Each structure stands twice: as structure tokens, then as C-alpha cells.
């Protein structure tokens, strides 16, 4: 799966607190490992 970020995303990402960036990176790694994991698909009924 190809994942891309926009220039605007990268500019805003660097402004986030380190704790939030860490959480986002962990979530991305989980998504990259298993895109169908329940935590990766968003809202599930």
C-alpha cells in the first residue's frame, strides 16, 4: 500500500507536541503493518 503526505500535512505535523507526534507515528506503523486492523479502519459500528 502506498502512503503519501502533503506538504501542508508535513508543515502542520512538525508543529504538534512530541507526545502527539509519537502517537501518530505508532498509529501509522500499526496501519502499515496491518491496514485492516480495527484501530486502522476508523469508526466501526
N, C-alpha and C. Protein backbone atom coordinates (compact mmCIF):
# COMPACT_ATOMS: atom_id res chain seq x y z
N UNK A 1 0.84 -1.17 0.00
CA UNK A 1 0.00 0.00 0.00
C UNK A 1 0.89 1.24 0.00
N UNK A 2 0.58 2.18 -0.85
CA UNK A 2 1.35 3.42 -0.94
C UNK A 2 0.69 4.47 -0.05
N UNK A 3 1.51 5.10 0.77
CA UNK A 3 1.03 6.15 1.67
C UNK A 3 1.80 7.43 1.37
N UNK A 4 1.08 8.52 1.24
CA UNK A 4 1.72 9.80 0.92
C UNK A 4 1.21 10.88 1.85
N UNK A 5 2.03 11.90 2.07
CA UNK A 5 1.60 13.06 2.84
C UNK A 5 1.79 14.30 1.99
N UNK A 6 0.96 15.29 2.26
CA UNK A 6 1.07 16.54 1.51
C UNK A 6 2.07 17.47 2.21
N UNK A 7 2.50 18.47 1.50
CA UNK A 7 3.40 19.47 2.06
C UNK A 7 2.73 20.16 3.25
N UNK A 8 1.45 20.46 3.13
CA UNK A 8 0.71 21.11 4.22
C UNK A 8 0.67 20.20 5.46
N UNK A 9 0.42 18.91 5.25
CA UNK A 9 0.42 17.96 6.36
C UNK A 9 1.75 17.98 7.08
N UNK A 10 2.84 17.89 6.33
CA UNK A 10 4.18 17.86 6.94
C UNK A 10 4.47 19.15 7.70
N UNK A 11 4.04 20.28 7.15
CA UNK A 11 4.26 21.58 7.81
C UNK A 11 3.49 21.65 9.13
N UNK A 12 2.27 21.14 9.14
CA UNK A 12 1.47 21.16 10.36
C UNK A 12 1.91 20.09 11.35
N UNK A 13 2.37 18.95 10.85
CA UNK A 13 2.79 17.86 11.72
C UNK A 13 3.94 18.28 12.62
N UNK A 14 4.90 19.02 12.09
CA UNK A 14 6.06 19.43 12.89
C UNK A 14 5.66 20.36 14.03
N UNK A 15 4.49 20.99 13.94
CA UNK A 15 4.03 21.90 14.98
C UNK A 15 3.36 21.18 16.15
N UNK A 16 3.03 19.91 15.95
CA UNK A 16 2.37 19.15 17.01
C UNK A 16 3.31 18.88 18.18
N UNK A 17 2.75 18.74 19.39
CA UNK A 17 3.58 18.34 20.53
C UNK A 17 4.19 16.96 20.27
N UNK A 18 5.36 16.72 20.86
CA UNK A 18 6.06 15.45 20.64
C UNK A 18 5.22 14.25 21.03
N UNK A 19 4.42 14.36 22.08
CA UNK A 19 3.60 13.22 22.51
C UNK A 19 2.57 12.86 21.45
N UNK A 20 2.01 13.85 20.79
CA UNK A 20 1.03 13.60 19.73
C UNK A 20 1.72 13.02 18.50
N UNK A 21 2.89 13.56 18.16
CA UNK A 21 3.63 13.01 17.03
C UNK A 21 3.98 11.55 17.26
N UNK A 22 4.34 11.22 18.49
CA UNK A 22 4.67 9.84 18.82
C UNK A 22 3.46 8.93 18.64
N UNK A 23 2.30 9.37 19.12
CA UNK A 23 1.07 8.59 18.96
C UNK A 23 0.73 8.41 17.49
N UNK A 24 0.89 9.46 16.71
CA UNK A 24 0.58 9.40 15.28
C UNK A 24 1.53 8.43 14.57
N UNK A 25 2.79 8.47 14.93
CA UNK A 25 3.76 7.56 14.31
C UNK A 25 3.46 6.11 14.66
N UNK A 26 3.09 5.85 15.92
CA UNK A 26 2.73 4.50 16.32
C UNK A 26 1.49 4.01 15.56
N UNK A 27 0.51 4.89 15.41
CA UNK A 27 -0.71 4.53 14.68
C UNK A 27 -0.38 4.23 13.21
N UNK A 28 0.51 5.03 12.62
CA UNK A 28 0.89 4.80 11.23
C UNK A 28 1.61 3.46 11.07
N UNK A 29 2.50 3.15 12.01
CA UNK A 29 3.21 1.87 11.93
C UNK A 29 2.24 0.70 12.04
N UNK A 30 1.22 0.83 12.91
CA UNK A 30 0.20 -0.22 13.01
C UNK A 30 -0.56 -0.34 11.69
N UNK A 31 -0.92 0.81 11.10
CA UNK A 31 -1.62 0.82 9.82
C UNK A 31 -0.76 0.18 8.73
N UNK A 32 0.52 0.53 8.71
CA UNK A 32 1.43 -0.01 7.70
C UNK A 32 1.57 -1.53 7.85
N UNK A 33 1.61 -2.00 9.11
CA UNK A 33 1.74 -3.42 9.38
C UNK A 33 0.46 -4.18 9.01
N UNK A 34 -0.70 -3.60 9.35
CA UNK A 34 -1.98 -4.28 9.12
C UNK A 34 -3.07 -3.24 8.84
N UNK A 35 -3.27 -2.84 7.59
CA UNK A 35 -4.25 -1.80 7.26
C UNK A 35 -5.68 -2.18 7.60
N UNK A 36 -5.94 -3.46 7.86
CA UNK A 36 -7.30 -3.90 8.18
C UNK A 36 -7.51 -4.13 9.67
N UNK A 37 -6.51 -3.81 10.47
CA UNK A 37 -6.65 -3.91 11.92
C UNK A 37 -7.76 -2.95 12.36
N UNK A 38 -8.58 -3.35 13.34
CA UNK A 38 -9.71 -2.50 13.76
C UNK A 38 -9.32 -1.06 14.11
N UNK A 39 -8.14 -0.85 14.66
CA UNK A 39 -7.73 0.51 15.00
C UNK A 39 -7.37 1.33 13.76
N UNK A 40 -7.20 0.67 12.63
CA UNK A 40 -6.79 1.36 11.41
C UNK A 40 -7.94 1.77 10.51
N UNK A 41 -9.10 1.16 10.69
CA UNK A 41 -10.19 1.40 9.75
C UNK A 41 -11.12 2.53 10.19
N UNK A 42 -10.86 3.12 11.34
CA UNK A 42 -11.70 4.23 11.78
C UNK A 42 -12.95 3.74 12.49
N UNK A 43 -14.02 4.45 12.32
CA UNK A 43 -15.25 4.16 13.04
C UNK A 43 -15.85 2.85 12.57
N UNK A 44 -16.13 2.00 13.53
CA UNK A 44 -16.75 0.71 13.24
C UNK A 44 -17.99 0.58 14.13
N UNK A 45 -19.09 0.18 13.55
CA UNK A 45 -20.34 0.04 14.30
C UNK A 45 -20.34 -1.18 15.17
